[in-house]
Amino acid sequence: MDRNRDLAKGLSRIETNTAAAIQPKGAILIDDQVEHVGPFFAITALEDAVVDVSECDMSFIKDVVDFTIPKGLTIHGKFASIELDSGKVIAYLK
């Protein structure tokens, strides 16, 4: 009996921790060319979007120039802020 209860308790903890790790605190639509402050953990392109790396705090990315997130693609990371040169994205708040 105790084993089943312990297993159920363990599975419940996994479910809770997983939801906390991947469930956004909110999301914002970015369709302009101003800096938006996160932190964000994922960015989904609603149309091809050019990220202006020189205007963002994406310190985990090394030696990268501006890049395009193709429509429909989601990128994951630790984004302190994001600014676009063009396009439209949804940024998910951590």
C-alpha atoms as a PDB file:
ATOM      1  CA  MET A   1       0.000   0.000   0.000  1.00  0.00           C
ATOM      2  CA  ASP A   2       2.698   2.480   0.975  1.00  0.00           C
ATOM      3  CA  ARG A   3       4.528   1.879  -2.295  1.00  0.00           C
ATOM      4  CA  ASN A   4       1.461   2.860  -4.359  1.00  0.00           C
ATOM      5  CA  ARG A   5       0.930   5.962  -2.248  1.00  0.00           C
ATOM      6  CA  ASP A   6       4.605   6.925  -2.584  1.00  0.00           C
ATOM      7  CA  LEU A   7       4.451   6.360  -6.337  1.00  0.00           C
ATOM      8  CA  ALA A   8       1.316   8.501  -6.667  1.00  0.00           C
ATOM      9  CA  LYS A   9       2.937  11.234  -4.560  1.00  0.00           C
ATOM     10  CA  GLY A  10       6.094  11.129  -6.702  1.00  0.00           C
ATOM     11  CA  LEU A  11       4.098  11.313  -9.936  1.00  0.00           C
ATOM     12  CA  SER A  12       2.135  14.251  -8.562  1.00  0.00           C
ATOM     13  CA  ARG A  13       5.371  16.108  -7.797  1.00  0.00           C
ATOM     14  CA  ILE A  14       6.685  15.448 -11.307  1.00  0.00           C
ATOM     15  CA  GLU A  15       3.456  16.770 -12.813  1.00  0.00           C
ATOM     16  CA  THR A  16       3.554  19.904 -10.652  1.00  0.00           C
ATOM     17  CA  ASN A  17       7.236  20.608 -11.368  1.00  0.00           C
ATOM     18  CA  THR A  18       6.828  20.030 -15.100  1.00  0.00           C
ATOM     19  CA  ALA A  19       3.864  22.387 -15.304  1.00  0.00           C
ATOM     20  CA  ALA A  20       5.776  25.061 -13.385  1.00  0.00           C
ATOM     21  CA  ALA A  21       8.759  24.714 -15.730  1.00  0.00           C
ATOM     22  CA  ILE A  22       6.896  24.926 -19.041  1.00  0.00           C
ATOM     23  CA  GLN A  23       3.772  26.922 -18.266  1.00  0.00           C
ATOM     24  CA  PRO A  24       4.276  30.604 -19.094  1.00  0.00           C
ATOM     25  CA  LYS A  25       3.453  33.329 -16.585  1.00  0.00           C
ATOM     26  CA  GLY A  26       2.023  35.186 -19.556  1.00  0.00           C
ATOM     27  CA  ALA A  27       2.660  35.922 -23.194  1.00  0.00           C
ATOM     28  CA  ILE A  28       2.966  39.106 -25.190  1.00  0.00           C
ATOM     29  CA  LEU A  29       2.586  39.854 -28.864  1.00  0.00           C
ATOM     30  CA  ILE A  30       5.577  41.732 -30.251  1.00  0.00           C
ATOM     31  CA  ASP A  31       4.952  43.369 -33.616  1.00  0.00           C
ATOM     32  CA  ASP A  32       7.019  46.546 -33.306  1.00  0.00           C
ATOM     33  CA  GLN A  33      10.679  47.593 -33.213  1.00  0.00           C
ATOM     34  CA  VAL A  34      11.090  48.494 -29.533  1.00  0.00           C
ATOM     35  CA  GLU A  35      12.786  46.527 -26.778  1.00  0.00           C
ATOM     36  CA  HIS A  36      10.526  44.279 -24.709  1.00  0.00           C
ATOM     37  CA  VAL A  37      11.825  43.166 -21.321  1.00  0.00           C
ATOM     38  CA  GLY A  38      11.220  39.631 -20.076  1.00  0.00           C
ATOM     39  CA  PRO A  39      12.503  37.378 -18.926  1.00  0.00           C
ATOM     40  CA  PHE A  40      11.191  35.145 -21.683  1.00  0.00           C
ATOM     41  CA  PHE A  41      11.788  31.406 -22.048  1.00  0.00           C
ATOM     42  CA  ALA A  42      10.410  30.893 -25.571  1.00  0.00           C
ATOM     43  CA  ILE A  43       9.622  32.935 -28.663  1.00  0.00           C
ATOM     44  CA  THR A  44       7.286  31.784 -31.446  1.00  0.00           C
ATOM     45  CA  ALA A  45       7.297  33.521 -34.836  1.00  0.00           C
ATOM     46  CA  LEU A  46       3.842  34.293 -36.229  1.00  0.00           C
ATOM     47  CA  GLU A  47       5.561  35.466 -39.415  1.00  0.00           C
ATOM     48  CA  ASP A  48       9.243  35.543 -40.369  1.00  0.00           C
ATOM     49  CA  ALA A  49      10.834  37.743 -37.701  1.00  0.00           C
ATOM     50  CA  VAL A  50      14.297  39.299 -37.686  1.00  0.00           C
ATOM     51  CA  VAL A  51      15.780  39.573 -34.191  1.00  0.00           C
ATOM     52  CA  ASP A  52      18.037  42.605 -33.626  1.00  0.00           C
ATOM     53  CA  VAL A  53      20.681  40.984 -31.426  1.00  0.00           C
ATOM     54  CA  SER A  54      22.538  44.276 -30.832  1.00  0.00           C
ATOM     55  CA  GLU A  55      19.419  45.642 -29.089  1.00  0.00           C
ATOM     56  CA  CYS A  56      18.625  42.520 -27.038  1.00  0.00           C
ATOM     57  CA  ASP A  57      19.983  40.934 -23.907  1.00  0.00           C
ATOM     58  CA  MET A  58      20.549  37.408 -25.156  1.00  0.00           C
ATOM     59  CA  SER A  59      23.859  36.932 -23.396  1.00  0.00           C
ATOM     60  CA  PHE A  60      23.704  33.152 -23.701  1.00  0.00           C
ATOM     61  CA  ILE A  61      24.195  33.509 -27.489  1.00  0.00           C
ATOM     62  CA  LYS A  62      27.846  34.048 -28.452  1.00  0.00           C
ATOM     63  CA  ASP A  63      29.156  35.616 -31.661  1.00  0.00           C
ATOM     64  CA  VAL A  64      25.757  35.864 -33.319  1.00  0.00           C
ATOM     65  CA  VAL A  65      24.520  38.514 -35.693  1.00  0.00           C
ATOM     66  CA  ASP A  66      20.888  39.397 -36.315  1.00  0.00           C
ATOM     67  CA  PHE A  67      18.937  36.271 -37.191  1.00  0.00           C
ATOM     68  CA  THR A  68      15.555  35.298 -38.575  1.00  0.00           C
ATOM     69  CA  ILE A  69      13.061  33.107 -36.769  1.00  0.00           C
ATOM     70  CA  PRO A  70      11.005  31.496 -39.557  1.00  0.00           C
ATOM     71  CA  LYS A  71       7.217  31.606 -39.341  1.00  0.00           C
ATOM     72  CA  GLY A  72       5.906  28.835 -37.093  1.00  0.00           C
ATOM     73  CA  LEU A  73       9.222  28.119 -35.363  1.00  0.00           C
ATOM     74  CA  THR A  74       9.643  28.372 -31.583  1.00  0.00           C
ATOM     75  CA  ILE A  75      13.046  29.023 -30.055  1.00  0.00           C
ATOM     76  CA  HIS A  76      13.813  28.390 -26.385  1.00  0.00           C
ATOM     77  CA  GLY A  77      16.359  30.042 -24.136  1.00  0.00           C
ATOM     78  CA  LYS A  78      16.884  32.647 -21.444  1.00  0.00           C
ATOM     79  CA  PHE A  79      15.907  35.921 -23.090  1.00  0.00           C
ATOM     80  CA  ALA A  80      16.193  38.945 -20.779  1.00  0.00           C
ATOM     81  CA  SER A  81      14.829  41.143 -23.566  1.00  0.00           C
ATOM     82  CA  ILE A  82      14.026  41.039 -27.270  1.00  0.00           C
ATOM     83  CA  GLU A  83      13.779  43.573 -30.046  1.00  0.00           C
ATOM     84  CA  LEU A  84      12.739  42.879 -33.609  1.00  0.00           C
ATOM     85  CA  ASP A  85      13.802  44.561 -36.849  1.00  0.00           C
ATOM     86  CA  SER A  86      10.729  43.083 -38.542  1.00  0.00           C
ATOM     87  CA  GLY A  87       8.070  40.452 -38.169  1.00  0.00           C
ATOM     88  CA  LYS A  88       5.723  39.364 -35.417  1.00  0.00           C
ATOM     89  CA  VAL A  89       6.274  36.995 -32.491  1.00  0.00           C
ATOM     90  CA  ILE A  90       4.699  35.782 -29.294  1.00  0.00           C
ATOM     91  CA  ALA A  91       7.145  35.916 -26.380  1.00  0.00           C
ATOM     92  CA  TYR A  92       6.402  33.690 -23.387  1.00  0.00           C
ATOM     93  CA  LEU A  93       7.196  35.161 -19.964  1.00  0.00           C
ATOM     94  CA  LYS A  94       9.150  33.039 -17.538  1.00  0.00           C
END
